[in-house]
Amino acid sequence: MVSATLIEKLEQLSPELQKKIEAEVDGLLNEKKNPVTETIIAEPEIKYGSMKGTVIYLADDFDAPLDDFKDYM
């Protein structure tokens, strides 16, 4: 739904500015119809030895069966 005040403001603009706004709206509508599906994300470079000195803790019962799966065992 378009606001009446928006239409009034558009009508007050010069024809050149109205054309620019129309082109911008068309561009926005095209983006909505054809969204960009390819996004490039720069992943950090992982180097060997980057976790040197990091303490990793495993619980004593790490390999113990889970209570949730008792019905299936």
N, C-alpha and C. Protein backbone atom coordinates (compact mmCIF):
# COMPACT_ATOMS: atom_id res chain seq x y z
N MET A 1 0.85 -1.16 0.00
CA MET A 1 0.00 0.00 0.00
C MET A 1 0.90 1.24 0.00
N VAL A 2 0.65 2.13 -0.90
CA VAL A 2 1.46 3.33 -1.03
C VAL A 2 0.80 4.47 -0.28
N SER A 3 1.61 5.18 0.47
CA SER A 3 1.12 6.31 1.25
C SER A 3 0.81 7.48 0.32
N ALA A 4 -0.28 8.18 0.59
CA ALA A 4 -0.66 9.33 -0.22
C ALA A 4 0.38 10.44 -0.11
N THR A 5 0.99 10.58 1.06
CA THR A 5 2.01 11.62 1.22
C THR A 5 3.23 11.31 0.36
N LEU A 6 3.56 10.05 0.19
CA LEU A 6 4.68 9.69 -0.66
C LEU A 6 4.40 10.06 -2.12
N ILE A 7 3.19 9.82 -2.56
CA ILE A 7 2.82 10.18 -3.93
C ILE A 7 2.86 11.69 -4.11
N GLU A 8 2.38 12.42 -3.12
CA GLU A 8 2.42 13.88 -3.20
C GLU A 8 3.86 14.39 -3.29
N LYS A 9 4.75 13.79 -2.51
CA LYS A 9 6.15 14.20 -2.54
C LYS A 9 6.78 13.88 -3.90
N LEU A 10 6.44 12.74 -4.46
CA LEU A 10 6.97 12.37 -5.78
C LEU A 10 6.49 13.34 -6.86
N GLU A 11 5.24 13.76 -6.76
CA GLU A 11 4.69 14.66 -7.76
C GLU A 11 5.34 16.05 -7.69
N GLN A 12 5.90 16.41 -6.55
CA GLN A 12 6.54 17.71 -6.39
C GLN A 12 7.95 17.73 -7.00
N LEU A 13 8.52 16.56 -7.27
CA LEU A 13 9.87 16.49 -7.82
C LEU A 13 9.86 16.80 -9.31
N SER A 14 11.02 17.18 -9.79
CA SER A 14 11.14 17.44 -11.23
C SER A 14 11.06 16.11 -12.00
N PRO A 15 10.70 16.17 -13.28
CA PRO A 15 10.60 14.95 -14.08
C PRO A 15 11.91 14.15 -14.11
N GLU A 16 13.05 14.85 -14.09
CA GLU A 16 14.34 14.15 -14.11
C GLU A 16 14.52 13.32 -12.83
N LEU A 17 14.18 13.93 -11.69
CA LEU A 17 14.31 13.20 -10.42
C LEU A 17 13.30 12.06 -10.33
N GLN A 18 12.13 12.26 -10.90
CA GLN A 18 11.13 11.18 -10.91
C GLN A 18 11.63 9.99 -11.71
N LYS A 19 12.32 10.26 -12.83
CA LYS A 19 12.88 9.18 -13.64
C LYS A 19 13.96 8.42 -12.87
N LYS A 20 14.80 9.18 -12.13
CA LYS A 20 15.84 8.54 -11.32
C LYS A 20 15.24 7.64 -10.26
N ILE A 21 14.21 8.12 -9.61
CA ILE A 21 13.55 7.33 -8.56
C ILE A 21 12.90 6.10 -9.18
N GLU A 22 12.28 6.27 -10.33
CA GLU A 22 11.65 5.14 -11.01
C GLU A 22 12.69 4.08 -11.37
N ALA A 23 13.85 4.50 -11.85
CA ALA A 23 14.92 3.56 -12.19
C ALA A 23 15.43 2.84 -10.94
N GLU A 24 15.52 3.56 -9.84
CA GLU A 24 15.99 2.95 -8.59
C GLU A 24 14.98 1.91 -8.09
N VAL A 25 13.70 2.24 -8.17
CA VAL A 25 12.67 1.29 -7.74
C VAL A 25 12.68 0.06 -8.63
N ASP A 26 12.85 0.25 -9.94
CA ASP A 26 12.95 -0.90 -10.85
C ASP A 26 14.13 -1.78 -10.48
N GLY A 27 15.25 -1.17 -10.13
CA GLY A 27 16.41 -1.94 -9.72
C GLY A 27 16.15 -2.73 -8.46
N LEU A 28 15.47 -2.14 -7.50
CA LEU A 28 15.13 -2.86 -6.28
C LEU A 28 14.20 -4.02 -6.55
N LEU A 29 13.23 -3.82 -7.44
CA LEU A 29 12.32 -4.91 -7.79
C LEU A 29 13.05 -6.05 -8.50
N ASN A 30 14.00 -5.72 -9.35
CA ASN A 30 14.77 -6.76 -10.04
C ASN A 30 15.62 -7.55 -9.05
N GLU A 31 16.18 -6.88 -8.04
CA GLU A 31 16.95 -7.58 -7.02
C GLU A 31 16.05 -8.55 -6.27
N LYS A 32 14.83 -8.15 -6.01
CA LYS A 32 13.90 -9.01 -5.28
C LYS A 32 13.55 -10.24 -6.12
N LYS A 33 13.38 -10.05 -7.44
CA LYS A 33 13.03 -11.17 -8.32
C LYS A 33 14.22 -12.08 -8.56
N ASN A 34 15.42 -11.53 -8.66
CA ASN A 34 16.62 -12.29 -8.96
C ASN A 34 17.66 -12.07 -7.87
N PRO A 35 17.46 -12.69 -6.70
CA PRO A 35 18.42 -12.46 -5.63
C PRO A 35 19.79 -13.05 -5.97
N VAL A 36 20.80 -12.41 -5.48
CA VAL A 36 22.16 -12.90 -5.71
C VAL A 36 22.37 -14.12 -4.84
N THR A 37 22.72 -15.24 -5.47
CA THR A 37 22.89 -16.48 -4.71
C THR A 37 24.34 -16.77 -4.41
N GLU A 38 25.24 -16.09 -5.07
CA GLU A 38 26.65 -16.35 -4.86
C GLU A 38 27.25 -15.29 -3.95
N THR A 39 27.73 -15.74 -2.81
CA THR A 39 28.35 -14.84 -1.86
C THR A 39 29.76 -15.33 -1.59
N ILE A 40 30.71 -14.44 -1.69
CA ILE A 40 32.09 -14.80 -1.45
C ILE A 40 32.44 -14.41 -0.02
N ILE A 41 32.85 -15.41 0.75
CA ILE A 41 33.23 -15.19 2.13
C ILE A 41 34.69 -15.59 2.28
N ALA A 42 35.49 -14.67 2.72
CA ALA A 42 36.90 -14.95 2.92
C ALA A 42 37.07 -15.76 4.20
N GLU A 43 37.61 -16.95 4.06
CA GLU A 43 37.83 -17.80 5.23
C GLU A 43 39.24 -17.56 5.75
N PRO A 44 39.39 -17.59 7.05
CA PRO A 44 40.73 -17.38 7.60
C PRO A 44 41.64 -18.55 7.23
N GLU A 45 42.90 -18.24 7.02
CA GLU A 45 43.87 -19.27 6.67
C GLU A 45 44.24 -20.04 7.93
N ILE A 46 44.10 -21.36 7.87
CA ILE A 46 44.44 -22.22 9.00
C ILE A 46 45.82 -22.81 8.73
N LYS A 47 46.71 -22.64 9.68
CA LYS A 47 48.07 -23.14 9.53
C LYS A 47 48.31 -24.29 10.50
N TYR A 48 49.16 -25.22 10.10
CA TYR A 48 49.54 -26.31 10.98
C TYR A 48 50.25 -25.75 12.20
N GLY A 49 49.88 -26.29 13.34
CA GLY A 49 50.49 -25.84 14.58
C GLY A 49 49.81 -24.64 15.20
N SER A 50 48.71 -24.21 14.63
CA SER A 50 48.05 -23.01 15.15
C SER A 50 47.39 -23.26 16.51
N MET A 51 47.16 -24.52 16.88
CA MET A 51 46.56 -24.82 18.18
C MET A 51 47.61 -25.30 19.19
N LYS A 52 48.86 -25.11 18.89
CA LYS A 52 49.93 -25.53 19.79
C LYS A 52 49.75 -24.83 21.14
N GLY A 53 49.80 -25.63 22.20
CA GLY A 53 49.66 -25.09 23.54
C GLY A 53 48.22 -25.02 24.02
N THR A 54 47.27 -25.34 23.16
CA THR A 54 45.86 -25.31 23.55
C THR A 54 45.53 -26.58 24.33
N VAL A 55 44.86 -26.42 25.45
CA VAL A 55 44.49 -27.56 26.29
C VAL A 55 43.14 -28.07 25.84
N ILE A 56 43.09 -29.36 25.54
CA ILE A 56 41.83 -29.99 25.14
C ILE A 56 41.44 -30.97 26.24
N TYR A 57 40.24 -30.83 26.74
CA TYR A 57 39.75 -31.65 27.84
C TYR A 57 38.71 -32.62 27.32
N LEU A 58 38.87 -33.91 27.64
CA LEU A 58 37.87 -34.92 27.35
C LEU A 58 37.41 -35.52 28.67
N ALA A 59 36.12 -35.65 28.84
CA ALA A 59 35.58 -36.22 30.06
C ALA A 59 35.98 -37.69 30.18
N ASP A 60 36.04 -38.19 31.42
CA ASP A 60 36.42 -39.59 31.65
C ASP A 60 35.41 -40.55 31.03
N ASP A 61 34.15 -40.15 30.97
CA ASP A 61 33.11 -41.02 30.41
C ASP A 61 32.77 -40.64 28.96
N PHE A 62 33.73 -40.15 28.24
CA PHE A 62 33.50 -39.71 26.86
C PHE A 62 32.93 -40.82 25.98
N ASP A 63 33.45 -42.03 26.13
CA ASP A 63 33.01 -43.16 25.30
C ASP A 63 31.83 -43.91 25.90
N ALA A 64 31.31 -43.52 27.03
CA ALA A 64 30.21 -44.22 27.67
C ALA A 64 28.93 -44.04 26.85
N PRO A 65 28.08 -45.07 26.86
CA PRO A 65 26.81 -44.95 26.11
C PRO A 65 25.93 -43.85 26.71
N LEU A 66 25.18 -43.20 25.85
CA LEU A 66 24.29 -42.12 26.28
C LEU A 66 22.98 -42.70 26.80
N ASP A 67 22.42 -42.07 27.83
CA ASP A 67 21.16 -42.52 28.40
C ASP A 67 20.01 -42.46 27.39
N ASP A 68 20.09 -41.52 26.47
CA ASP A 68 19.02 -41.33 25.48
C ASP A 68 18.90 -42.53 24.54
N PHE A 69 19.95 -43.33 24.40
CA PHE A 69 19.92 -44.44 23.46
C PHE A 69 19.77 -45.80 24.13
N LYS A 70 19.42 -45.83 25.42
CA LYS A 70 19.25 -47.10 26.12
C LYS A 70 18.18 -47.96 25.47
N ASP A 71 17.12 -47.37 24.97
CA ASP A 71 16.03 -48.13 24.33
C ASP A 71 16.49 -48.85 23.08
N TYR A 72 17.53 -48.38 22.44
CA TYR A 72 17.98 -48.94 21.18
C TYR A 72 19.14 -49.92 21.35
N MET A 73 19.60 -50.13 22.56
CA MET A 73 20.75 -51.00 22.79
C MET A 73 20.34 -52.31 23.41
